[in-house]
PDB file of N, CA and C in Angstrom:
ATOM      1  N   MET A   1      17.278  65.100  13.571  1.00  0.00           N
ATOM      2  CA  MET A   1      18.517  65.398  14.243  1.00  0.00           C
ATOM      3  C   MET A   1      19.642  64.673  13.514  1.00  0.00           C
ATOM      4  N   GLN A   2      20.693  65.405  13.116  1.00  0.00           N
ATOM      5  CA  GLN A   2      21.808  64.811  12.401  1.00  0.00           C
ATOM      6  C   GLN A   2      22.932  64.470  13.365  1.00  0.00           C
ATOM      7  N   SER A   3      23.630  63.399  13.065  1.00  0.00           N
ATOM      8  CA  SER A   3      24.767  62.980  13.868  1.00  0.00           C
ATOM      9  C   SER A   3      26.039  63.559  13.267  1.00  0.00           C
ATOM     10  N   ASN A   4      26.963  63.997  14.129  1.00  0.00           N
ATOM     11  CA  ASN A   4      28.246  64.525  13.664  1.00  0.00           C
ATOM     12  C   ASN A   4      29.285  63.421  13.499  1.00  0.00           C
ATOM     13  N   THR A   5      28.881  62.197  13.725  1.00  0.00           N
ATOM     14  CA  THR A   5      29.795  61.077  13.625  1.00  0.00           C
ATOM     15  C   THR A   5      30.093  60.769  12.161  1.00  0.00           C
ATOM     16  N   SER A   6      31.369  60.701  11.824  1.00  0.00           N
ATOM     17  CA  SER A   6      31.730  60.306  10.454  1.00  0.00           C
ATOM     18  C   SER A   6      32.123  58.840  10.474  1.00  0.00           C
ATOM     19  N   TYR A   7      31.794  58.152   9.425  1.00  0.00           N
ATOM     20  CA  TYR A   7      32.058  56.728   9.349  1.00  0.00           C
ATOM     21  C   TYR A   7      33.074  56.448   8.247  1.00  0.00           C
ATOM     22  N   GLN A   8      34.005  55.580   8.555  1.00  0.00           N
ATOM     23  CA  GLN A   8      34.961  55.112   7.560  1.00  0.00           C
ATOM     24  C   GLN A   8      34.667  53.637   7.339  1.00  0.00           C
ATOM     25  N   GLN A   9      34.795  53.209   6.117  1.00  0.00           N
ATOM     26  CA  GLN A   9      34.580  51.800   5.824  1.00  0.00           C
ATOM     27  C   GLN A   9      35.867  51.201   5.296  1.00  0.00           C
ATOM     28  N   HIS A  10      36.149  49.998   5.754  1.00  0.00           N
ATOM     29  CA  HIS A  10      37.311  49.237   5.298  1.00  0.00           C
ATOM     30  C   HIS A  10      36.839  47.822   5.028  1.00  0.00           C
ATOM     31  N   GLU A  11      37.450  47.188   4.076  1.00  0.00           N
ATOM     32  CA  GLU A  11      37.094  45.808   3.763  1.00  0.00           C
ATOM     33  C   GLU A  11      38.292  44.902   3.960  1.00  0.00           C
ATOM     34  N   GLY A  12      38.005  43.658   4.271  1.00  0.00           N
ATOM     35  CA  GLY A  12      39.030  42.633   4.399  1.00  0.00           C
ATOM     36  C   GLY A  12      38.464  41.317   3.902  1.00  0.00           C
ATOM     37  N   THR A  13      39.321  40.323   3.829  1.00  0.00           N
ATOM     38  CA  THR A  13      38.909  39.005   3.357  1.00  0.00           C
ATOM     39  C   THR A  13      39.063  37.998   4.491  1.00  0.00           C
ATOM     40  N   LEU A  14      38.031  37.216   4.706  1.00  0.00           N
ATOM     41  CA  LEU A  14      38.050  36.182   5.728  1.00  0.00           C
ATOM     42  C   LEU A  14      38.787  34.961   5.190  1.00  0.00           C
ATOM     43  N   THR A  15      39.795  34.476   5.941  1.00  0.00           N
ATOM     44  CA  THR A  15      40.535  33.291   5.514  1.00  0.00           C
ATOM     45  C   THR A  15      39.779  32.028   5.906  1.00  0.00           C
ATOM     46  N   ARG A  16      40.251  30.893   5.462  1.00  0.00           N
ATOM     47  CA  ARG A  16      39.626  29.609   5.824  1.00  0.00           C
ATOM     48  C   ARG A  16      39.676  29.363   7.327  1.00  0.00           C
ATOM     49  N   LYS A  17      40.676  29.953   7.989  1.00  0.00           N
ATOM     50  CA  LYS A  17      40.810  29.791   9.435  1.00  0.00           C
ATOM     51  C   LYS A  17      39.977  30.811  10.212  1.00  0.00           C
ATOM     52  N   GLY A  18      39.203  31.637   9.507  1.00  0.00           N
ATOM     53  CA  GLY A  18      38.371  32.635  10.171  1.00  0.00           C
ATOM     54  C   GLY A  18      39.130  33.885  10.574  1.00  0.00           C
ATOM     55  N   GLN A  19      40.263  34.157   9.943  1.00  0.00           N
ATOM     56  CA  GLN A  19      41.078  35.315  10.288  1.00  0.00           C
ATOM     57  C   GLN A  19      40.862  36.457   9.297  1.00  0.00           C
ATOM     58  N   VAL A  20      40.933  37.677   9.820  1.00  0.00           N
ATOM     59  CA  VAL A  20      40.842  38.884   9.002  1.00  0.00           C
ATOM     60  C   VAL A  20      41.944  39.817   9.479  1.00  0.00           C
ATOM     61  N   THR A  21      42.647  40.449   8.547  1.00  0.00           N
ATOM     62  CA  THR A  21      43.659  41.428   8.917  1.00  0.00           C
ATOM     63  C   THR A  21      42.961  42.753   9.215  1.00  0.00           C
ATOM     64  N   ILE A  22      43.282  43.341  10.368  1.00  0.00           N
ATOM     65  CA  ILE A  22      42.721  44.646  10.720  1.00  0.00           C
ATOM     66  C   ILE A  22      43.512  45.698   9.934  1.00  0.00           C
ATOM     67  N   PRO A  23      42.857  46.517   9.131  1.00  0.00           N
ATOM     68  CA  PRO A  23      43.578  47.508   8.337  1.00  0.00           C
ATOM     69  C   PRO A  23      44.460  48.418   9.200  1.00  0.00           C
ATOM     70  N   ALA A  24      45.586  48.837   8.634  1.00  0.00           N
ATOM     71  CA  ALA A  24      46.566  49.653   9.355  1.00  0.00           C
ATOM     72  C   ALA A  24      45.937  50.919   9.946  1.00  0.00           C
ATOM     73  N   GLU A  25      45.044  51.565   9.206  1.00  0.00           N
ATOM     74  CA  GLU A  25      44.417  52.796   9.694  1.00  0.00           C
ATOM     75  C   GLU A  25      43.653  52.550  10.996  1.00  0.00           C
ATOM     76  N   ILE A  26      42.977  51.418  11.066  1.00  0.00           N
ATOM     77  CA  ILE A  26      42.202  51.089  12.267  1.00  0.00           C
ATOM     78  C   ILE A  26      43.149  50.731  13.414  1.00  0.00           C
ATOM     79  N   ARG A  27      44.179  49.942  13.123  1.00  0.00           N
ATOM     80  CA  ARG A  27      45.155  49.595  14.168  1.00  0.00           C
ATOM     81  C   ARG A  27      45.791  50.857  14.753  1.00  0.00           C
ATOM     82  N   GLU A  28      46.139  51.793  13.883  1.00  0.00           N
ATOM     83  CA  GLU A  28      46.749  53.041  14.356  1.00  0.00           C
ATOM     84  C   GLU A  28      45.762  53.849  15.193  1.00  0.00           C
ATOM     85  N   GLN A  29      44.529  53.966  14.722  1.00  0.00           N
ATOM     86  CA  GLN A  29      43.519  54.746  15.435  1.00  0.00           C
ATOM     87  C   GLN A  29      43.244  54.158  16.823  1.00  0.00           C
ATOM     88  N   LEU A  30      43.248  52.823  16.934  1.00  0.00           N
ATOM     89  CA  LEU A  30      42.980  52.161  18.215  1.00  0.00           C
ATOM     90  C   LEU A  30      44.243  51.967  19.047  1.00  0.00           C
ATOM     91  N   GLY A  31      45.404  52.273  18.461  1.00  0.00           N
ATOM     92  CA  GLY A  31      46.666  52.099  19.189  1.00  0.00           C
ATOM     93  C   GLY A  31      47.042  50.642  19.369  1.00  0.00           C
ATOM     94  N   LEU A  32      46.633  49.783  18.434  1.00  0.00           N
ATOM     95  CA  LEU A  32      46.906  48.348  18.543  1.00  0.00           C
ATOM     96  C   LEU A  32      48.297  48.022  18.010  1.00  0.00           C
ATOM     97  N   LYS A  33      48.977  47.140  18.738  1.00  0.00           N
ATOM     98  CA  LYS A  33      50.297  46.667  18.341  1.00  0.00           C
ATOM     99  C   LYS A  33      50.260  45.143  18.266  1.00  0.00           C
ATOM    100  N   PRO A  34      51.250  44.518  17.609  1.00  0.00           N
ATOM    101  CA  PRO A  34      51.279  43.052  17.568  1.00  0.00           C
ATOM    102  C   PRO A  34      51.200  42.462  18.979  1.00  0.00           C
ATOM    103  N   LYS A  35      50.474  41.387  19.112  1.00  0.00           N
ATOM    104  CA  LYS A  35      50.255  40.637  20.359  1.00  0.00           C
ATOM    105  C   LYS A  35      49.235  41.280  21.293  1.00  0.00           C
ATOM    106  N   ASP A  36      48.702  42.485  20.952  1.00  0.00           N
ATOM    107  CA  ASP A  36      47.660  43.096  21.774  1.00  0.00           C
ATOM    108  C   ASP A  36      46.396  42.255  21.690  1.00  0.00           C
ATOM    109  N   LYS A  37      45.638  42.251  22.757  1.00  0.00           N
ATOM    110  CA  LYS A  37      44.342  41.576  22.778  1.00  0.00           C
ATOM    111  C   LYS A  37      43.275  42.566  22.328  1.00  0.00           C
ATOM    112  N   VAL A  38      42.262  42.052  21.639  1.00  0.00           N
ATOM    113  CA  VAL A  38      41.141  42.884  21.209  1.00  0.00           C
ATOM    114  C   VAL A  38      39.845  42.277  21.722  1.00  0.00           C
ATOM    115  N   ARG A  39      38.828  43.115  21.836  1.00  0.00           N
ATOM    116  CA  ARG A  39      37.519  42.666  22.304  1.00  0.00           C
ATOM    117  C   ARG A  39      36.507  42.929  21.201  1.00  0.00           C
ATOM    118  N   PHE A  40      35.652  41.945  20.952  1.00  0.00           N
ATOM    119  CA  PHE A  40      34.573  42.069  19.977  1.00  0.00           C
ATOM    120  C   PHE A  40      33.258  42.144  20.741  1.00  0.00           C
ATOM    121  N   THR A  41      32.436  43.118  20.399  1.00  0.00           N
ATOM    122  CA  THR A  41      31.105  43.239  20.989  1.00  0.00           C
ATOM    123  C   THR A  41      30.095  43.151  19.848  1.00  0.00           C
ATOM    124  N   VAL A  42      29.159  42.209  19.964  1.00  0.00           N
ATOM    125  CA  VAL A  42      28.149  42.004  18.926  1.00  0.00           C
ATOM    126  C   VAL A  42      26.862  42.670  19.372  1.00  0.00           C
ATOM    127  N   GLU A  43      26.342  43.553  18.529  1.00  0.00           N
ATOM    128  CA  GLU A  43      25.078  44.249  18.780  1.00  0.00           C
ATOM    129  C   GLU A  43      24.215  44.054  17.545  1.00  0.00           C
ATOM    130  N   GLY A  44      23.332  43.074  17.584  1.00  0.00           N
ATOM    131  CA  GLY A  44      22.519  42.747  16.407  1.00  0.00           C
ATOM    132  C   GLY A  44      23.423  42.198  15.320  1.00  0.00           C
ATOM    133  N   ASP A  45      23.440  42.861  14.155  1.00  0.00           N
ATOM    134  CA  ASP A  45      24.312  42.406  13.083  1.00  0.00           C
ATOM    135  C   ASP A  45      25.550  43.300  12.953  1.00  0.00           C
ATOM    136  N   THR A  46      25.838  44.082  14.000  1.00  0.00           N
ATOM    137  CA  THR A  46      27.010  44.960  14.016  1.00  0.00           C
ATOM    138  C   THR A  46      28.015  44.439  15.031  1.00  0.00           C
ATOM    139  N   VAL A  47      29.282  44.448  14.651  1.00  0.00           N
ATOM    140  CA  VAL A  47      30.358  44.011  15.542  1.00  0.00           C
ATOM    141  C   VAL A  47      31.268  45.197  15.807  1.00  0.00           C
ATOM    142  N   ARG A  48      31.519  45.487  17.069  1.00  0.00           N
ATOM    143  CA  ARG A  48      32.450  46.548  17.455  1.00  0.00           C
ATOM    144  C   ARG A  48      33.765  45.914  17.885  1.00  0.00           C
ATOM    145  N   LEU A  49      34.850  46.530  17.487  1.00  0.00           N
ATOM    146  CA  LEU A  49      36.192  46.068  17.825  1.00  0.00           C
ATOM    147  C   LEU A  49      36.849  47.132  18.684  1.00  0.00           C
ATOM    148  N   MET A  50      37.441  46.722  19.817  1.00  0.00           N
ATOM    149  CA  MET A  50      38.136  47.680  20.681  1.00  0.00           C
ATOM    150  C   MET A  50      39.292  46.977  21.380  1.00  0.00           C
ATOM    151  N   PRO A  51      40.285  47.740  21.823  1.00  0.00           N
ATOM    152  CA  PRO A  51      41.372  47.126  22.570  1.00  0.00           C
ATOM    153  C   PRO A  51      40.824  46.511  23.857  1.00  0.00           C
ATOM    154  N   ALA A  52      41.301  45.318  24.209  1.00  0.00           N
ATOM    155  CA  ALA A  52      40.893  44.690  25.459  1.00  0.00           C
ATOM    156  C   ALA A  52      41.781  45.222  26.574  1.00  0.00           C
ATOM    157  N   PRO A  53      41.208  45.528  27.727  1.00  0.00           N
ATOM    158  CA  PRO A  53      42.022  46.034  28.825  1.00  0.00           C
ATOM    159  C   PRO A  53      43.008  44.970  29.295  1.00  0.00           C
ATOM    160  N   SER A  54      44.201  45.401  29.649  1.00  0.00           N
ATOM    161  CA  SER A  54      45.243  44.491  30.124  1.00  0.00           C
ATOM    162  C   SER A  54      44.943  44.032  31.540  1.00  0.00           C
ATOM    163  N   LYS A  55      44.910  42.728  31.752  1.00  0.00           N
ATOM    164  CA  LYS A  55      44.683  42.198  33.096  1.00  0.00           C
ATOM    165  C   LYS A  55      45.882  42.494  33.990  1.00  0.00           C
ATOM    166  N   LEU A  56      47.070  42.513  33.412  1.00  0.00           N
ATOM    167  CA  LEU A  56      48.281  42.819  34.175  1.00  0.00           C
ATOM    168  C   LEU A  56      48.253  44.268  34.652  1.00  0.00           C
ATOM    169  N   LEU A  57      47.934  45.190  33.742  1.00  0.00           N
ATOM    170  CA  LEU A  57      47.903  46.602  34.123  1.00  0.00           C
ATOM    171  C   LEU A  57      46.761  46.905  35.077  1.00  0.00           C
ATOM    172  N   ALA A  58      45.684  46.119  35.018  1.00  0.00           N
ATOM    173  CA  ALA A  58      44.555  46.341  35.914  1.00  0.00           C
ATOM    174  C   ALA A  58      44.970  46.135  37.366  1.00  0.00           C
ATOM    175  N   GLY A  59      45.927  45.252  37.617  1.00  0.00           N
ATOM    176  CA  GLY A  59      46.390  44.988  38.978  1.00  0.00           C
ATOM    177  C   GLY A  59      47.578  45.831  39.394  1.00  0.00           C
ATOM    178  N   TYR A  60      48.079  46.654  38.487  1.00  0.00           N
ATOM    179  CA  TYR A  60      49.258  47.466  38.785  1.00  0.00           C
ATOM    180  C   TYR A  60      48.973  48.407  39.952  1.00  0.00           C
ATOM    181  N   GLY A  61      49.871  48.407  40.920  1.00  0.00           N
ATOM    182  CA  GLY A  61      49.729  49.284  42.066  1.00  0.00           C
ATOM    183  C   GLY A  61      48.860  48.716  43.170  1.00  0.00           C
ATOM    184  N   ALA A  62      48.370  47.488  43.012  1.00  0.00           N
ATOM    185  CA  ALA A  62      47.505  46.890  44.028  1.00  0.00           C
ATOM    186  C   ALA A  62      48.278  46.566  45.305  1.00  0.00           C
ATOM    187  N   VAL A  63      49.566  46.317  45.190  1.00  0.00           N
ATOM    188  CA  VAL A  63      50.404  46.002  46.342  1.00  0.00           C
ATOM    189  C   VAL A  63      51.361  47.160  46.570  1.00  0.00           C
ATOM    190  N   THR A  64      51.367  47.683  47.774  1.00  0.00           N
ATOM    191  CA  THR A  64      52.265  48.791  48.097  1.00  0.00           C
ATOM    192  C   THR A  64      53.640  48.233  48.433  1.00  0.00           C
ATOM    193  N   PRO A  65      54.683  48.669  47.716  1.00  0.00           N
ATOM    194  CA  PRO A  65      56.023  48.177  48.019  1.00  0.00           C
ATOM    195  C   PRO A  65      56.496  48.694  49.377  1.00  0.00           C
ATOM    196  N   ARG A  66      57.417  47.942  50.006  1.00  0.00           N
ATOM    197  CA  ARG A  66      57.944  48.370  51.293  1.00  0.00           C
ATOM    198  C   ARG A  66      58.740  49.656  51.166  1.00  0.00           C
ATOM    199  N   LYS A  67      59.443  49.763  50.056  1.00  0.00           N
ATOM    200  CA  LYS A  67      60.294  50.919  49.840  1.00  0.00           C
ATOM    201  C   LYS A  67      60.390  51.146  48.342  1.00  0.00           C
ATOM    202  N   LYS A  68      60.375  52.395  47.882  1.00  0.00           N
ATOM    203  CA  LYS A  68      60.468  52.679  46.453  1.00  0.00           C
ATOM    204  C   LYS A  68      61.781  53.355  46.174  1.00  0.00           C
ATOM    205  N   PRO A  69      62.571  52.946  45.225  1.00  0.00           N
ATOM    206  CA  PRO A  69      62.602  51.563  44.748  1.00  0.00           C
ATOM    207  C   PRO A  69      63.307  50.678  45.768  1.00  0.00           C
ATOM    208  N   GLU A  70      62.960  49.440  45.790  1.00  0.00           N
ATOM    209  CA  GLU A  70      63.563  48.489  46.716  1.00  0.00           C
ATOM    210  C   GLU A  70      65.035  48.324  46.363  1.00  0.00           C
ATOM    211  N   ASP A  71      65.906  48.360  47.364  1.00  0.00           N
ATOM    212  CA  ASP A  71      67.350  48.241  47.153  1.00  0.00           C
ATOM    213  C   ASP A  71      67.744  46.766  47.310  1.00  0.00           C
ATOM    214  N   TYR A  72      67.672  46.040  46.190  1.00  0.00           N
ATOM    215  CA  TYR A  72      67.964  44.608  46.233  1.00  0.00           C
ATOM    216  C   TYR A  72      69.442  44.343  46.481  1.00  0.00           C
ATOM    217  N   GLY A  73      70.314  45.249  46.066  1.00  0.00           N
ATOM    218  CA  GLY A  73      71.748  45.094  46.353  1.00  0.00           C
ATOM    219  C   GLY A  73      72.004  45.090  47.842  1.00  0.00           C
ATOM    220  N   GLN A  74      71.359  46.006  48.561  1.00  0.00           N
ATOM    221  CA  GLN A  74      71.518  46.073  50.019  1.00  0.00           C
ATOM    222  C   GLN A  74      70.910  44.850  50.688  1.00  0.00           C
ATOM    223  N   ARG A  75      69.777  44.403  50.210  1.00  0.00           N
ATOM    224  CA  ARG A  75      69.151  43.197  50.789  1.00  0.00           C
ATOM    225  C   ARG A  75      70.041  41.978  50.608  1.00  0.00           C
ATOM    226  N   ARG A  76      70.661  41.845  49.424  1.00  0.00           N
ATOM    227  CA  ARG A  76      71.556  40.713  49.183  1.00  0.00           C
ATOM    228  C   ARG A  76      72.774  40.791  50.094  1.00  0.00           C
ATOM    229  N   GLU A  77      73.340  41.987  50.251  1.00  0.00           N
ATOM    230  CA  GLU A  77      74.503  42.161  51.121  1.00  0.00           C
ATOM    231  C   GLU A  77      74.163  41.784  52.562  1.00  0.00           C
ATOM    232  N   ASP A  78      73.003  42.219  53.050  1.00  0.00           N
ATOM    233  CA  ASP A  78      72.563  41.866  54.403  1.00  0.00           C
ATOM    234  C   ASP A  78      72.403  40.356  54.557  1.00  0.00           C
ATOM    235  N   PHE A  79      71.827  39.710  53.531  1.00  0.00           N
ATOM    236  CA  PHE A  79      71.656  38.254  53.551  1.00  0.00           C
ATOM    237  C   PHE A  79      73.010  37.548  53.618  1.00  0.00           C
ATOM    238  N   GLU A  80      73.932  37.994  52.761  1.00  0.00           N
ATOM    239  CA  GLU A  80      75.260  37.357  52.735  1.00  0.00           C
ATOM    240  C   GLU A  80      75.994  37.545  54.058  1.00  0.00           C
ATOM    241  N   LYS A  81      75.844  38.709  54.683  1.00  0.00           N
ATOM    242  CA  LYS A  81      76.468  38.932  55.999  1.00  0.00           C
ATOM    243  C   LYS A  81      75.856  37.993  57.037  1.00  0.00           C
ATOM    244  N   GLY A  82      74.535  37.795  56.968  1.00  0.00           N
ATOM    245  CA  GLY A  82      73.863  36.893  57.896  1.00  0.00           C
ATOM    246  C   GLY A  82      74.325  35.456  57.717  1.00  0.00           C
ATOM    247  N   VAL A  83      74.483  35.013  56.463  1.00  0.00           N
ATOM    248  CA  VAL A  83      74.966  33.656  56.196  1.00  0.00           C
ATOM    249  C   VAL A  83      76.394  33.515  56.681  1.00  0.00           C
ATOM    250  N   ALA A  84      77.233  34.501  56.422  1.00  0.00           N
ATOM    251  CA  ALA A  84      78.632  34.461  56.870  1.00  0.00           C
ATOM    252  C   ALA A  84      78.717  34.393  58.383  1.00  0.00           C
ATOM    253  N   SER A  85      77.838  35.127  59.061  1.00  0.00           N
ATOM    254  CA  SER A  85      77.814  35.125  60.529  1.00  0.00           C
ATOM    255  C   SER A  85      77.410  33.742  61.044  1.00  0.00           C
ATOM    256  N   ASP A  86      76.407  33.128  60.379  1.00  0.00           N
ATOM    257  CA  ASP A  86      75.962  31.794  60.784  1.00  0.00           C
ATOM    258  C   ASP A  86      77.074  30.768  60.578  1.00  0.00           C
ATOM    259  N   VAL A  87      77.775  30.839  59.474  1.00  0.00           N
ATOM    260  CA  VAL A  87      78.860  29.895  59.175  1.00  0.00           C
ATOM    261  C   VAL A  87      79.992  30.076  60.185  1.00  0.00           C
ATOM    262  N   GLN A  88      80.291  31.326  60.524  1.00  0.00           N
ATOM    263  CA  GLN A  88      81.367  31.609  61.474  1.00  0.00           C
ATOM    264  C   GLN A  88      81.020  31.094  62.865  1.00  0.00           C
ATOM    265  N   SER A  89      79.754  31.215  63.266  1.00  0.00           N
ATOM    266  CA  SER A  89      79.364  30.758  64.589  1.00  0.00           C
ATOM    267  C   SER A  89      79.311  29.232  64.674  1.00  0.00           C
ATOM    268  N   GLU A  90      79.192  28.541  63.543  1.00  0.00           N
ATOM    269  CA  GLU A  90      79.184  27.073  63.541  1.00  0.00           C
ATOM    270  C   GLU A  90      80.593  26.516  63.675  1.00  0.00           C
ATOM    271  N   SER A  91      81.613  27.318  63.370  1.00  0.00           N
ATOM    272  CA  SER A  91      83.003  26.845  63.408  1.00  0.00           C
ATOM    273  C   SER A  91      83.520  26.702  64.803  1.00  0.00           C
TER     274      SER A  91
END
């Protein structure tokens, strides 16, 4: 049985600090951008590289907002009216 999977090979050089530059073709194929996290999976003597899921995006939508979109201008105005009322009643 033949596999339809095509393989591309790329080479890099390991620095003294243990760093390797991921070739541009691979970064583009995986959609990686600067500062993105990556995940390495070791299977025997093979290492797989994939984008790491964002912990921030994983929690997106977990909390239902009171109102979409929240009107912070109106909330501030209500707060300021309440403070003004309190100051006026203290006089």
